[in-house]
PDB file of all heavy atoms in Angstrom:
ATOM      1  N   SER A   1     194.940 -79.449 -14.969  1.00  0.00           N
ATOM      2  CA  SER A   1     193.698 -80.191 -15.158  1.00  0.00           C
ATOM      3  C   SER A   1     192.687 -79.786 -14.092  1.00  0.00           C
ATOM      4  O   SER A   1     193.045 -79.332 -13.014  1.00  0.00           O
ATOM      5  CB  SER A   1     193.955 -81.699 -15.080  1.00  0.00           C
ATOM      6  OG  SER A   1     194.364 -82.058 -13.785  1.00  0.00           O
ATOM      7  N   ARG A   2     191.423 -79.969 -14.434  1.00  0.00           N
ATOM      8  CA  ARG A   2     190.358 -79.653 -13.475  1.00  0.00           C
ATOM      9  C   ARG A   2     190.274 -80.745 -12.416  1.00  0.00           C
ATOM     10  O   ARG A   2     190.446 -81.926 -12.713  1.00  0.00           O
ATOM     11  CB  ARG A   2     189.006 -79.554 -14.183  1.00  0.00           C
ATOM     12  CG  ARG A   2     188.914 -78.379 -15.099  1.00  0.00           C
ATOM     13  CD  ARG A   2     187.541 -78.326 -15.676  1.00  0.00           C
ATOM     14  NE  ARG A   2     187.406 -77.130 -16.512  1.00  0.00           N
ATOM     15  CZ  ARG A   2     186.344 -76.822 -17.184  1.00  0.00           C
ATOM     16  NH1 ARG A   2     185.285 -77.604 -17.145  1.00  0.00           N
ATOM     17  NH2 ARG A   2     186.299 -75.740 -17.916  1.00  0.00           N
ATOM     18  N   VAL A   3     189.961 -80.348 -11.217  1.00  0.00           N
ATOM     19  CA  VAL A   3     189.858 -81.287 -10.116  1.00  0.00           C
ATOM     20  C   VAL A   3     188.632 -82.162 -10.332  1.00  0.00           C
ATOM     21  O   VAL A   3     187.532 -81.676 -10.599  1.00  0.00           O
ATOM     22  CB  VAL A   3     189.748 -80.537  -8.766  1.00  0.00           C
ATOM     23  CG1 VAL A   3     189.539 -81.520  -7.626  1.00  0.00           C
ATOM     24  CG2 VAL A   3     190.982 -79.694  -8.544  1.00  0.00           C
ATOM     25  N   GLY A   4     188.785 -83.445 -10.267  1.00  0.00           N
ATOM     26  CA  GLY A   4     187.661 -84.362 -10.358  1.00  0.00           C
ATOM     27  C   GLY A   4     187.265 -84.707 -11.783  1.00  0.00           C
ATOM     28  O   GLY A   4     186.405 -85.537 -12.001  1.00  0.00           O
ATOM     29  N   ARG A   5     187.915 -84.111 -12.765  1.00  0.00           N
ATOM     30  CA  ARG A   5     187.535 -84.400 -14.145  1.00  0.00           C
ATOM     31  C   ARG A   5     188.680 -85.064 -14.913  1.00  0.00           C
ATOM     32  O   ARG A   5     188.505 -85.391 -16.070  1.00  0.00           O
ATOM     33  CB  ARG A   5     187.132 -83.112 -14.863  1.00  0.00           C
ATOM     34  CG  ARG A   5     185.894 -82.501 -14.267  1.00  0.00           C
ATOM     35  CD  ARG A   5     185.417 -81.426 -15.145  1.00  0.00           C
ATOM     36  NE  ARG A   5     184.180 -81.911 -15.742  1.00  0.00           N
ATOM     37  CZ  ARG A   5     183.626 -81.439 -16.818  1.00  0.00           C
ATOM     38  NH1 ARG A   5     184.177 -80.465 -17.470  1.00  0.00           N
ATOM     39  NH2 ARG A   5     182.520 -81.929 -17.279  1.00  0.00           N
ATOM     40  N   GLY A   6     189.801 -85.164 -14.330  1.00  0.00           N
ATOM     41  CA  GLY A   6     190.926 -85.764 -15.026  1.00  0.00           C
ATOM     42  C   GLY A   6     191.385 -84.864 -16.157  1.00  0.00           C
ATOM     43  O   GLY A   6     191.427 -83.657 -16.031  1.00  0.00           O
ATOM     44  N   SER A   7     191.733 -85.427 -17.285  1.00  0.00           N
ATOM     45  CA  SER A   7     192.232 -84.634 -18.406  1.00  0.00           C
ATOM     46  C   SER A   7     191.154 -84.382 -19.456  1.00  0.00           C
ATOM     47  O   SER A   7     191.462 -83.925 -20.543  1.00  0.00           O
ATOM     48  CB  SER A   7     193.437 -85.344 -19.040  1.00  0.00           C
ATOM     49  OG  SER A   7     193.041 -86.593 -19.557  1.00  0.00           O
ATOM     50  N   ARG A   8     189.904 -84.734 -19.172  1.00  0.00           N
ATOM     51  CA  ARG A   8     188.809 -84.501 -20.130  1.00  0.00           C
ATOM     52  C   ARG A   8     188.574 -83.009 -20.286  1.00  0.00           C
ATOM     53  O   ARG A   8     188.675 -82.247 -19.343  1.00  0.00           O
ATOM     54  CB  ARG A   8     187.504 -85.143 -19.651  1.00  0.00           C
ATOM     55  CG  ARG A   8     187.542 -86.633 -19.644  1.00  0.00           C
ATOM     56  CD  ARG A   8     186.207 -87.209 -19.288  1.00  0.00           C
ATOM     57  NE  ARG A   8     185.550 -86.410 -18.247  1.00  0.00           N
ATOM     58  CZ  ARG A   8     184.323 -86.608 -17.828  1.00  0.00           C
ATOM     59  NH1 ARG A   8     183.615 -87.586 -18.323  1.00  0.00           N
ATOM     60  NH2 ARG A   8     183.793 -85.857 -16.895  1.00  0.00           N
ATOM     61  N   GLN A   9     188.190 -82.613 -21.488  1.00  0.00           N
ATOM     62  CA  GLN A   9     187.859 -81.211 -21.727  1.00  0.00           C
ATOM     63  C   GLN A   9     186.460 -81.150 -22.310  1.00  0.00           C
ATOM     64  O   GLN A   9     185.997 -82.091 -22.937  1.00  0.00           O
ATOM     65  CB  GLN A   9     188.854 -80.581 -22.683  1.00  0.00           C
ATOM     66  CG  GLN A   9     190.228 -80.460 -22.072  1.00  0.00           C
ATOM     67  CD  GLN A   9     191.159 -79.685 -22.979  1.00  0.00           C
ATOM     68  OE1 GLN A   9     190.746 -79.212 -24.008  1.00  0.00           O
ATOM     69  NE2 GLN A   9     192.399 -79.572 -22.564  1.00  0.00           N
ATOM     70  N   GLY A  10     185.789 -79.995 -22.127  1.00  0.00           N
ATOM     71  CA  GLY A  10     184.443 -79.825 -22.651  1.00  0.00           C
ATOM     72  C   GLY A  10     183.392 -80.080 -21.584  1.00  0.00           C
ATOM     73  O   GLY A  10     183.696 -80.305 -20.419  1.00  0.00           O
ATOM     74  N   PHE A  11     182.147 -80.042 -22.052  1.00  0.00           N
ATOM     75  CA  PHE A  11     181.020 -80.207 -21.138  1.00  0.00           C
ATOM     76  C   PHE A  11     180.239 -81.454 -21.522  1.00  0.00           C
ATOM     77  O   PHE A  11     180.192 -81.847 -22.681  1.00  0.00           O
ATOM     78  CB  PHE A  11     180.086 -78.990 -21.222  1.00  0.00           C
ATOM     79  CG  PHE A  11     180.743 -77.705 -20.829  1.00  0.00           C
ATOM     80  CD1 PHE A  11     181.166 -76.800 -21.793  1.00  0.00           C
ATOM     81  CD2 PHE A  11     180.939 -77.397 -19.502  1.00  0.00           C
ATOM     82  CE1 PHE A  11     181.769 -75.614 -21.437  1.00  0.00           C
ATOM     83  CE2 PHE A  11     181.552 -76.215 -19.121  1.00  0.00           C
ATOM     84  CZ  PHE A  11     181.966 -75.320 -20.097  1.00  0.00           C
ATOM     85  N   THR A  12     179.572 -82.042 -20.538  1.00  0.00           N
ATOM     86  CA  THR A  12     178.725 -83.197 -20.827  1.00  0.00           C
ATOM     87  C   THR A  12     177.370 -82.714 -21.316  1.00  0.00           C
ATOM     88  O   THR A  12     177.007 -81.545 -21.170  1.00  0.00           O
ATOM     89  CB  THR A  12     178.530 -84.055 -19.564  1.00  0.00           C
ATOM     90  OG1 THR A  12     177.800 -83.283 -18.609  1.00  0.00           O
ATOM     91  CG2 THR A  12     179.858 -84.502 -18.983  1.00  0.00           C
ATOM     92  N   ILE A  13     176.619 -83.604 -21.899  1.00  0.00           N
ATOM     93  CA  ILE A  13     175.280 -83.288 -22.392  1.00  0.00           C
ATOM     94  C   ILE A  13     174.395 -82.808 -21.243  1.00  0.00           C
ATOM     95  O   ILE A  13     173.621 -81.865 -21.395  1.00  0.00           O
ATOM     96  CB  ILE A  13     174.633 -84.529 -23.060  1.00  0.00           C
ATOM     97  CG1 ILE A  13     175.436 -84.983 -24.253  1.00  0.00           C
ATOM     98  CG2 ILE A  13     173.194 -84.281 -23.417  1.00  0.00           C
ATOM     99  CD1 ILE A  13     175.267 -84.133 -25.480  1.00  0.00           C
ATOM    100  N   VAL A  14     174.495 -83.422 -20.093  1.00  0.00           N
ATOM    101  CA  VAL A  14     173.674 -83.052 -18.944  1.00  0.00           C
ATOM    102  C   VAL A  14     173.972 -81.624 -18.518  1.00  0.00           C
ATOM    103  O   VAL A  14     173.057 -80.829 -18.247  1.00  0.00           O
ATOM    104  CB  VAL A  14     173.900 -84.033 -17.772  1.00  0.00           C
ATOM    105  CG1 VAL A  14     173.180 -83.564 -16.523  1.00  0.00           C
ATOM    106  CG2 VAL A  14     173.444 -85.427 -18.163  1.00  0.00           C
ATOM    107  N   GLU A  15     175.256 -81.263 -18.477  1.00  0.00           N
ATOM    108  CA  GLU A  15     175.617 -79.898 -18.102  1.00  0.00           C
ATOM    109  C   GLU A  15     175.060 -78.890 -19.099  1.00  0.00           C
ATOM    110  O   GLU A  15     174.529 -77.846 -18.714  1.00  0.00           O
ATOM    111  CB  GLU A  15     177.141 -79.760 -18.027  1.00  0.00           C
ATOM    112  CG  GLU A  15     177.753 -80.508 -16.861  1.00  0.00           C
ATOM    113  CD  GLU A  15     179.259 -80.546 -16.929  1.00  0.00           C
ATOM    114  OE1 GLU A  15     179.828 -80.490 -18.036  1.00  0.00           O
ATOM    115  OE2 GLU A  15     179.876 -80.631 -15.842  1.00  0.00           O
ATOM    116  N   LEU A  16     175.183 -79.198 -20.374  1.00  0.00           N
ATOM    117  CA  LEU A  16     174.648 -78.296 -21.402  1.00  0.00           C
ATOM    118  C   LEU A  16     173.130 -78.171 -21.300  1.00  0.00           C
ATOM    119  O   LEU A  16     172.580 -77.070 -21.432  1.00  0.00           O
ATOM    120  CB  LEU A  16     175.045 -78.789 -22.796  1.00  0.00           C
ATOM    121  CG  LEU A  16     176.531 -78.668 -23.132  1.00  0.00           C
ATOM    122  CD1 LEU A  16     176.819 -79.335 -24.464  1.00  0.00           C
ATOM    123  CD2 LEU A  16     176.953 -77.222 -23.153  1.00  0.00           C
ATOM    124  N   LEU A  17     172.444 -79.268 -21.068  1.00  0.00           N
ATOM    125  CA  LEU A  17     170.982 -79.229 -20.938  1.00  0.00           C
ATOM    126  C   LEU A  17     170.564 -78.401 -19.725  1.00  0.00           C
ATOM    127  O   LEU A  17     169.585 -77.643 -19.796  1.00  0.00           O
ATOM    128  CB  LEU A  17     170.413 -80.639 -20.850  1.00  0.00           C
ATOM    129  CG  LEU A  17     170.413 -81.437 -22.153  1.00  0.00           C
ATOM    130  CD1 LEU A  17     169.949 -82.859 -21.899  1.00  0.00           C
ATOM    131  CD2 LEU A  17     169.556 -80.757 -23.200  1.00  0.00           C
ATOM    132  N   ILE A  18     171.270 -78.528 -18.633  1.00  0.00           N
ATOM    133  CA  ILE A  18     170.935 -77.749 -17.438  1.00  0.00           C
ATOM    134  C   ILE A  18     171.089 -76.262 -17.721  1.00  0.00           C
ATOM    135  O   ILE A  18     170.230 -75.444 -17.376  1.00  0.00           O
ATOM    136  CB  ILE A  18     171.806 -78.189 -16.235  1.00  0.00           C
ATOM    137  CG1 ILE A  18     171.390 -79.585 -15.773  1.00  0.00           C
ATOM    138  CG2 ILE A  18     171.705 -77.194 -15.084  1.00  0.00           C
ATOM    139  CD1 ILE A  18     172.309 -80.207 -14.741  1.00  0.00           C
ATOM    140  N   VAL A  19     172.180 -75.880 -18.385  1.00  0.00           N
ATOM    141  CA  VAL A  19     172.401 -74.473 -18.709  1.00  0.00           C
ATOM    142  C   VAL A  19     171.322 -73.962 -19.657  1.00  0.00           C
ATOM    143  O   VAL A  19     170.784 -72.862 -19.483  1.00  0.00           O
ATOM    144  CB  VAL A  19     173.811 -74.275 -19.318  1.00  0.00           C
ATOM    145  CG1 VAL A  19     173.969 -72.890 -19.894  1.00  0.00           C
ATOM    146  CG2 VAL A  19     174.867 -74.540 -18.260  1.00  0.00           C
ATOM    147  N   ILE A  20     170.949 -74.762 -20.658  1.00  0.00           N
ATOM    148  CA  ILE A  20     169.904 -74.359 -21.610  1.00  0.00           C
ATOM    149  C   ILE A  20     168.574 -74.174 -20.897  1.00  0.00           C
ATOM    150  O   ILE A  20     167.841 -73.213 -21.166  1.00  0.00           O
ATOM    151  CB  ILE A  20     169.802 -75.384 -22.755  1.00  0.00           C
ATOM    152  CG1 ILE A  20     171.055 -75.290 -23.624  1.00  0.00           C
ATOM    153  CG2 ILE A  20     168.542 -75.168 -23.585  1.00  0.00           C
ATOM    154  CD1 ILE A  20     171.179 -76.391 -24.658  1.00  0.00           C
ATOM    155  N   VAL A  21     168.243 -75.074 -19.977  1.00  0.00           N
ATOM    156  CA  VAL A  21     166.978 -74.954 -19.231  1.00  0.00           C
ATOM    157  C   VAL A  21     166.983 -73.699 -18.369  1.00  0.00           C
ATOM    158  O   VAL A  21     165.992 -72.950 -18.321  1.00  0.00           O
ATOM    159  CB  VAL A  21     166.742 -76.218 -18.369  1.00  0.00           C
ATOM    160  CG1 VAL A  21     165.633 -75.993 -17.361  1.00  0.00           C
ATOM    161  CG2 VAL A  21     166.417 -77.402 -19.267  1.00  0.00           C
ATOM    162  N   ILE A  22     168.094 -73.410 -17.707  1.00  0.00           N
ATOM    163  CA  ILE A  22     168.169 -72.211 -16.866  1.00  0.00           C
ATOM    164  C   ILE A  22     168.031 -70.950 -17.720  1.00  0.00           C
ATOM    165  O   ILE A  22     167.293 -70.018 -17.356  1.00  0.00           O
ATOM    166  CB  ILE A  22     169.485 -72.200 -16.063  1.00  0.00           C
ATOM    167  CG1 ILE A  22     169.456 -73.298 -14.995  1.00  0.00           C
ATOM    168  CG2 ILE A  22     169.731 -70.835 -15.427  1.00  0.00           C
ATOM    169  CD1 ILE A  22     170.764 -73.518 -14.284  1.00  0.00           C
ATOM    170  N   ILE A  23     168.700 -70.912 -18.866  1.00  0.00           N
ATOM    171  CA  ILE A  23     168.576 -69.753 -19.757  1.00  0.00           C
ATOM    172  C   ILE A  23     167.139 -69.608 -20.254  1.00  0.00           C
ATOM    173  O   ILE A  23     166.605 -68.495 -20.336  1.00  0.00           O
ATOM    174  CB  ILE A  23     169.566 -69.877 -20.935  1.00  0.00           C
ATOM    175  CG1 ILE A  23     170.986 -69.698 -20.420  1.00  0.00           C
ATOM    176  CG2 ILE A  23     169.264 -68.862 -22.032  1.00  0.00           C
ATOM    177  CD1 ILE A  23     172.067 -69.986 -21.444  1.00  0.00           C
ATOM    178  N   GLY A  24     166.488 -70.715 -20.554  1.00  0.00           N
ATOM    179  CA  GLY A  24     165.090 -70.671 -20.988  1.00  0.00           C
ATOM    180  C   GLY A  24     164.170 -70.111 -19.914  1.00  0.00           C
ATOM    181  O   GLY A  24     163.289 -69.291 -20.200  1.00  0.00           O
ATOM    182  N   ILE A  25     164.366 -70.525 -18.684  1.00  0.00           N
ATOM    183  CA  ILE A  25     163.546 -70.024 -17.573  1.00  0.00           C
ATOM    184  C   ILE A  25     163.759 -68.523 -17.398  1.00  0.00           C
ATOM    185  O   ILE A  25     162.798 -67.756 -17.239  1.00  0.00           O
ATOM    186  CB  ILE A  25     163.874 -70.792 -16.272  1.00  0.00           C
ATOM    187  CG1 ILE A  25     163.374 -72.232 -16.371  1.00  0.00           C
ATOM    188  CG2 ILE A  25     163.261 -70.094 -15.057  1.00  0.00           C
ATOM    189  CD1 ILE A  25     163.853 -73.136 -15.253  1.00  0.00           C
ATOM    190  N   LEU A  26     165.003 -68.085 -17.445  1.00  0.00           N
ATOM    191  CA  LEU A  26     165.293 -66.649 -17.317  1.00  0.00           C
ATOM    192  C   LEU A  26     164.679 -65.852 -18.473  1.00  0.00           C
ATOM    193  O   LEU A  26     164.176 -64.744 -18.272  1.00  0.00           O
ATOM    194  CB  LEU A  26     166.801 -66.421 -17.245  1.00  0.00           C
ATOM    195  CG  LEU A  26     167.485 -66.928 -15.978  1.00  0.00           C
ATOM    196  CD1 LEU A  26     168.995 -66.774 -16.086  1.00  0.00           C
ATOM    197  CD2 LEU A  26     166.955 -66.214 -14.760  1.00  0.00           C
ATOM    198  N   ALA A  27     164.702 -66.416 -19.669  1.00  0.00           N
ATOM    199  CA  ALA A  27     164.113 -65.734 -20.822  1.00  0.00           C
ATOM    200  C   ALA A  27     162.602 -65.586 -20.660  1.00  0.00           C
ATOM    201  O   ALA A  27     162.036 -64.527 -20.960  1.00  0.00           O
ATOM    202  CB  ALA A  27     164.432 -66.506 -22.107  1.00  0.00           C
ATOM    203  N   VAL A  28     161.939 -66.615 -20.170  1.00  0.00           N
ATOM    204  CA  VAL A  28     160.491 -66.542 -19.956  1.00  0.00           C
ATOM    205  C   VAL A  28     160.162 -65.468 -18.917  1.00  0.00           C
ATOM    206  O   VAL A  28     159.217 -64.688 -19.089  1.00  0.00           O
ATOM    207  CB  VAL A  28     159.938 -67.920 -19.529  1.00  0.00           C
ATOM    208  CG1 VAL A  28     158.530 -67.819 -18.986  1.00  0.00           C
ATOM    209  CG2 VAL A  28     159.992 -68.887 -20.693  1.00  0.00           C
ATOM    210  N   LEU A  29     160.941 -65.402 -17.856  1.00  0.00           N
ATOM    211  CA  LEU A  29     160.700 -64.391 -16.830  1.00  0.00           C
ATOM    212  C   LEU A  29     160.923 -62.985 -17.382  1.00  0.00           C
ATOM    213  O   LEU A  29     160.158 -62.062 -17.089  1.00  0.00           O
ATOM    214  CB  LEU A  29     161.614 -64.634 -15.623  1.00  0.00           C
ATOM    215  CG  LEU A  29     161.336 -65.907 -14.818  1.00  0.00           C
ATOM    216  CD1 LEU A  29     162.405 -66.104 -13.748  1.00  0.00           C
ATOM    217  CD2 LEU A  29     159.962 -65.867 -14.208  1.00  0.00           C
ATOM    218  N   ALA A  30     161.962 -62.821 -18.184  1.00  0.00           N
ATOM    219  CA  ALA A  30     162.253 -61.500 -18.752  1.00  0.00           C
ATOM    220  C   ALA A  30     161.168 -61.068 -19.730  1.00  0.00           C
ATOM    221  O   ALA A  30     160.756 -59.903 -19.734  1.00  0.00           O
ATOM    222  CB  ALA A  30     163.615 -61.528 -19.445  1.00  0.00           C
ATOM    223  N   ILE A  31     160.681 -61.987 -20.545  1.00  0.00           N
ATOM    224  CA  ILE A  31     159.619 -61.657 -21.506  1.00  0.00           C
ATOM    225  C   ILE A  31     158.346 -61.280 -20.766  1.00  0.00           C
ATOM    226  O   ILE A  31     157.647 -60.337 -21.147  1.00  0.00           O
ATOM    227  CB  ILE A  31     159.382 -62.837 -22.471  1.00  0.00           C
ATOM    228  CG1 ILE A  31     160.582 -62.977 -23.403  1.00  0.00           C
ATOM    229  CG2 ILE A  31     158.097 -62.660 -23.262  1.00  0.00           C
ATOM    230  CD1 ILE A  31     160.577 -64.228 -24.253  1.00  0.00           C
ATOM    231  N   GLY A  32     158.028 -61.986 -19.693  1.00  0.00           N
ATOM    232  CA  GLY A  32     156.841 -61.656 -18.893  1.00  0.00           C
ATOM    233  C   GLY A  32     156.932 -60.271 -18.283  1.00  0.00           C
ATOM    234  O   GLY A  32     155.972 -59.497 -18.313  1.00  0.00           O
ATOM    235  N   ALA A  33     158.088 -59.938 -17.750  1.00  0.00           N
ATOM    236  CA  ALA A  33     158.274 -58.611 -17.148  1.00  0.00           C
ATOM    237  C   ALA A  33     158.185 -57.525 -18.216  1.00  0.00           C
ATOM    238  O   ALA A  33     157.607 -56.457 -17.987  1.00  0.00           O
ATOM    239  CB  ALA A  33     159.619 -58.543 -16.436  1.00  0.00           C
ATOM    240  N   PHE A  34     158.741 -57.789 -19.383  1.00  0.00           N
ATOM    241  CA  PHE A  34     158.700 -56.822 -20.474  1.00  0.00           C
ATOM    242  C   PHE A  34     157.263 -56.599 -20.940  1.00  0.00           C
ATOM    243  O   PHE A  34     156.846 -55.472 -21.188  1.00  0.00           O
ATOM    244  CB  PHE A  34     159.574 -57.303 -21.625  1.00  0.00           C
ATOM    245  CG  PHE A  34     159.618 -56.365 -22.781  1.00  0.00           C
ATOM    246  CD1 PHE A  34     160.275 -55.151 -22.678  1.00  0.00           C
ATOM    247  CD2 PHE A  34     158.999 -56.686 -23.970  1.00  0.00           C
ATOM    248  CE1 PHE A  34     160.315 -54.271 -23.743  1.00  0.00           C
ATOM    249  CE2 PHE A  34     159.042 -55.825 -25.040  1.00  0.00           C
ATOM    250  CZ  PHE A  34     159.700 -54.613 -24.933  1.00  0.00           C
ATOM    251  N   SER A  35     156.486 -57.660 -21.041  1.00  0.00           N
ATOM    252  CA  SER A  35     155.090 -57.540 -21.462  1.00  0.00           C
ATOM    253  C   SER A  35     154.276 -56.710 -20.469  1.00  0.00           C
ATOM    254  O   SER A  35     153.462 -55.887 -20.858  1.00  0.00           O
ATOM    255  CB  SER A  35     154.457 -58.920 -21.608  1.00  0.00           C
ATOM    256  OG  SER A  35     155.076 -59.643 -22.644  1.00  0.00           O
ATOM    257  N   ARG A  36     154.507 -56.938 -19.186  1.00  0.00           N
ATOM    258  CA  ARG A  36     153.787 -56.171 -18.163  1.00  0.00           C
ATOM    259  C   ARG A  36     154.143 -54.692 -18.235  1.00  0.00           C
ATOM    260  O   ARG A  36     153.271 -53.830 -18.127  1.00  0.00           O
ATOM    261  CB  ARG A  36     154.087 -56.728 -16.772  1.00  0.00           C
ATOM    262  CG  ARG A  36     153.294 -57.967 -16.420  1.00  0.00           C
ATOM    263  CD  ARG A  36     153.447 -58.331 -14.949  1.00  0.00           C
ATOM    264  NE  ARG A  36     154.820 -58.650 -14.588  1.00  0.00           N
ATOM    265  CZ  ARG A  36     155.382 -59.851 -14.718  1.00  0.00           C
ATOM    266  NH1 ARG A  36     154.681 -60.840 -15.213  1.00  0.00           N
ATOM    267  NH2 ARG A  36     156.636 -60.049 -14.361  1.00  0.00           N
ATOM    268  N   SER A  37     155.410 -54.390 -18.434  1.00  0.00           N
ATOM    269  CA  SER A  37     155.805 -52.984 -18.492  1.00  0.00           C
ATOM    270  C   SER A  37     155.261 -52.319 -19.754  1.00  0.00           C
ATOM    271  O   SER A  37     154.898 -51.144 -19.724  1.00  0.00           O
ATOM    272  CB  SER A  37     157.319 -52.829 -18.409  1.00  0.00           C
ATOM    273  OG  SER A  37     157.952 -53.458 -19.493  1.00  0.00           O
ATOM    274  N   GLN A  38     155.156 -53.054 -20.855  1.00  0.00           N
ATOM    275  CA  GLN A  38     154.547 -52.502 -22.071  1.00  0.00           C
ATOM    276  C   GLN A  38     153.071 -52.194 -21.832  1.00  0.00           C
ATOM    277  O   GLN A  38     152.567 -51.153 -22.264  1.00  0.00           O
ATOM    278  CB  GLN A  38     154.667 -53.494 -23.227  1.00  0.00           C
ATOM    279  CG  GLN A  38     155.923 -53.376 -24.012  1.00  0.00           C
ATOM    280  CD  GLN A  38     155.883 -54.241 -25.253  1.00  0.00           C
ATOM    281  OE1 GLN A  38     155.282 -55.320 -25.261  1.00  0.00           O
ATOM    282  NE2 GLN A  38     156.522 -53.782 -26.298  1.00  0.00           N
ATOM    283  N   GLU A  39     152.388 -53.084 -21.159  1.00  0.00           N
ATOM    284  CA  GLU A  39     150.961 -52.884 -20.885  1.00  0.00           C
ATOM    285  C   GLU A  39     150.752 -51.677 -19.971  1.00  0.00           C
ATOM    286  O   GLU A  39     149.825 -50.886 -20.163  1.00  0.00           O
ATOM    287  CB  GLU A  39     150.393 -54.158 -20.258  1.00  0.00           C
ATOM    288  CG  GLU A  39     148.912 -54.320 -20.368  1.00  0.00           C
ATOM    289  CD  GLU A  39     148.390 -54.234 -21.792  1.00  0.00           C
ATOM    290  OE1 GLU A  39     148.989 -54.798 -22.713  1.00  0.00           O
ATOM    291  OE2 GLU A  39     147.359 -53.553 -21.977  1.00  0.00           O
ATOM    292  N   GLN A  40     151.611 -51.509 -18.983  1.00  0.00           N
ATOM    293  CA  GLN A  40     151.515 -50.357 -18.091  1.00  0.00           C
ATOM    294  C   GLN A  40     151.792 -49.061 -18.849  1.00  0.00           C
ATOM    295  O   GLN A  40     151.142 -48.044 -18.605  1.00  0.00           O
ATOM    296  CB  GLN A  40     152.500 -50.498 -16.930  1.00  0.00           C
ATOM    297  CG  GLN A  40     152.110 -51.568 -15.932  1.00  0.00           C
ATOM    298  CD  GLN A  40     153.181 -51.801 -14.877  1.00  0.00           C
ATOM    299  OE1 GLN A  40     154.311 -51.329 -15.005  1.00  0.00           O
ATOM    300  NE2 GLN A  40     152.839 -52.549 -13.836  1.00  0.00           N
ATOM    301  N   ALA A  41     152.710 -49.094 -19.790  1.00  0.00           N
ATOM    302  CA  ALA A  41     153.009 -47.906 -20.595  1.00  0.00           C
ATOM    303  C   ALA A  41     151.818 -47.540 -21.475  1.00  0.00           C
ATOM    304  O   ALA A  41     151.489 -46.361 -21.628  1.00  0.00           O
ATOM    305  CB  ALA A  41     154.252 -48.148 -21.439  1.00  0.00           C
ATOM    306  N   ARG A  42     151.165 -48.533 -22.046  1.00  0.00           N
ATOM    307  CA  ARG A  42     149.975 -48.271 -22.873  1.00  0.00           C
ATOM    308  C   ARG A  42     148.862 -47.648 -22.033  1.00  0.00           C
ATOM    309  O   ARG A  42     148.201 -46.702 -22.465  1.00  0.00           O
ATOM    310  CB  ARG A  42     149.475 -49.560 -23.514  1.00  0.00           C
ATOM    311  CG  ARG A  42     150.290 -50.021 -24.675  1.00  0.00           C
ATOM    312  CD  ARG A  42     149.628 -51.192 -25.393  1.00  0.00           C
ATOM    313  NE  ARG A  42     150.548 -51.785 -26.330  1.00  0.00           N
ATOM    314  CZ  ARG A  42     151.097 -52.994 -26.198  1.00  0.00           C
ATOM    315  NH1 ARG A  42     150.780 -53.750 -25.168  1.00  0.00           N
ATOM    316  NH2 ARG A  42     151.940 -53.443 -27.086  1.00  0.00           N
ATOM    317  N   ALA A  43     148.653 -48.176 -20.837  1.00  0.00           N
ATOM    318  CA  ALA A  43     147.609 -47.645 -19.958  1.00  0.00           C
ATOM    319  C   ALA A  43     147.922 -46.203 -19.572  1.00  0.00           C
ATOM    320  O   ALA A  43     147.020 -45.345 -19.555  1.00  0.00           O
ATOM    321  CB  ALA A  43     147.465 -48.517 -18.715  1.00  0.00           C
ATOM    322  N   ALA A  44     149.186 -45.906 -19.288  1.00  0.00           N
ATOM    323  CA  ALA A  44     149.573 -44.543 -18.929  1.00  0.00           C
ATOM    324  C   ALA A  44     149.361 -43.587 -20.105  1.00  0.00           C
ATOM    325  O   ALA A  44     148.930 -42.449 -19.918  1.00  0.00           O
ATOM    326  CB  ALA A  44     151.028 -44.514 -18.481  1.00  0.00           C
TER     327      ALA A  44
END
């Protein structure tokens, strides 16, 4: 069993929401970087 969780399995809603928010933030950053590199390629 996991320490501090007893015999429960799975994730709580809060844990899932935190992971979804982090993935969303990373996706926004990646899309921004991709857009900038596309614009630089067009200028070149």
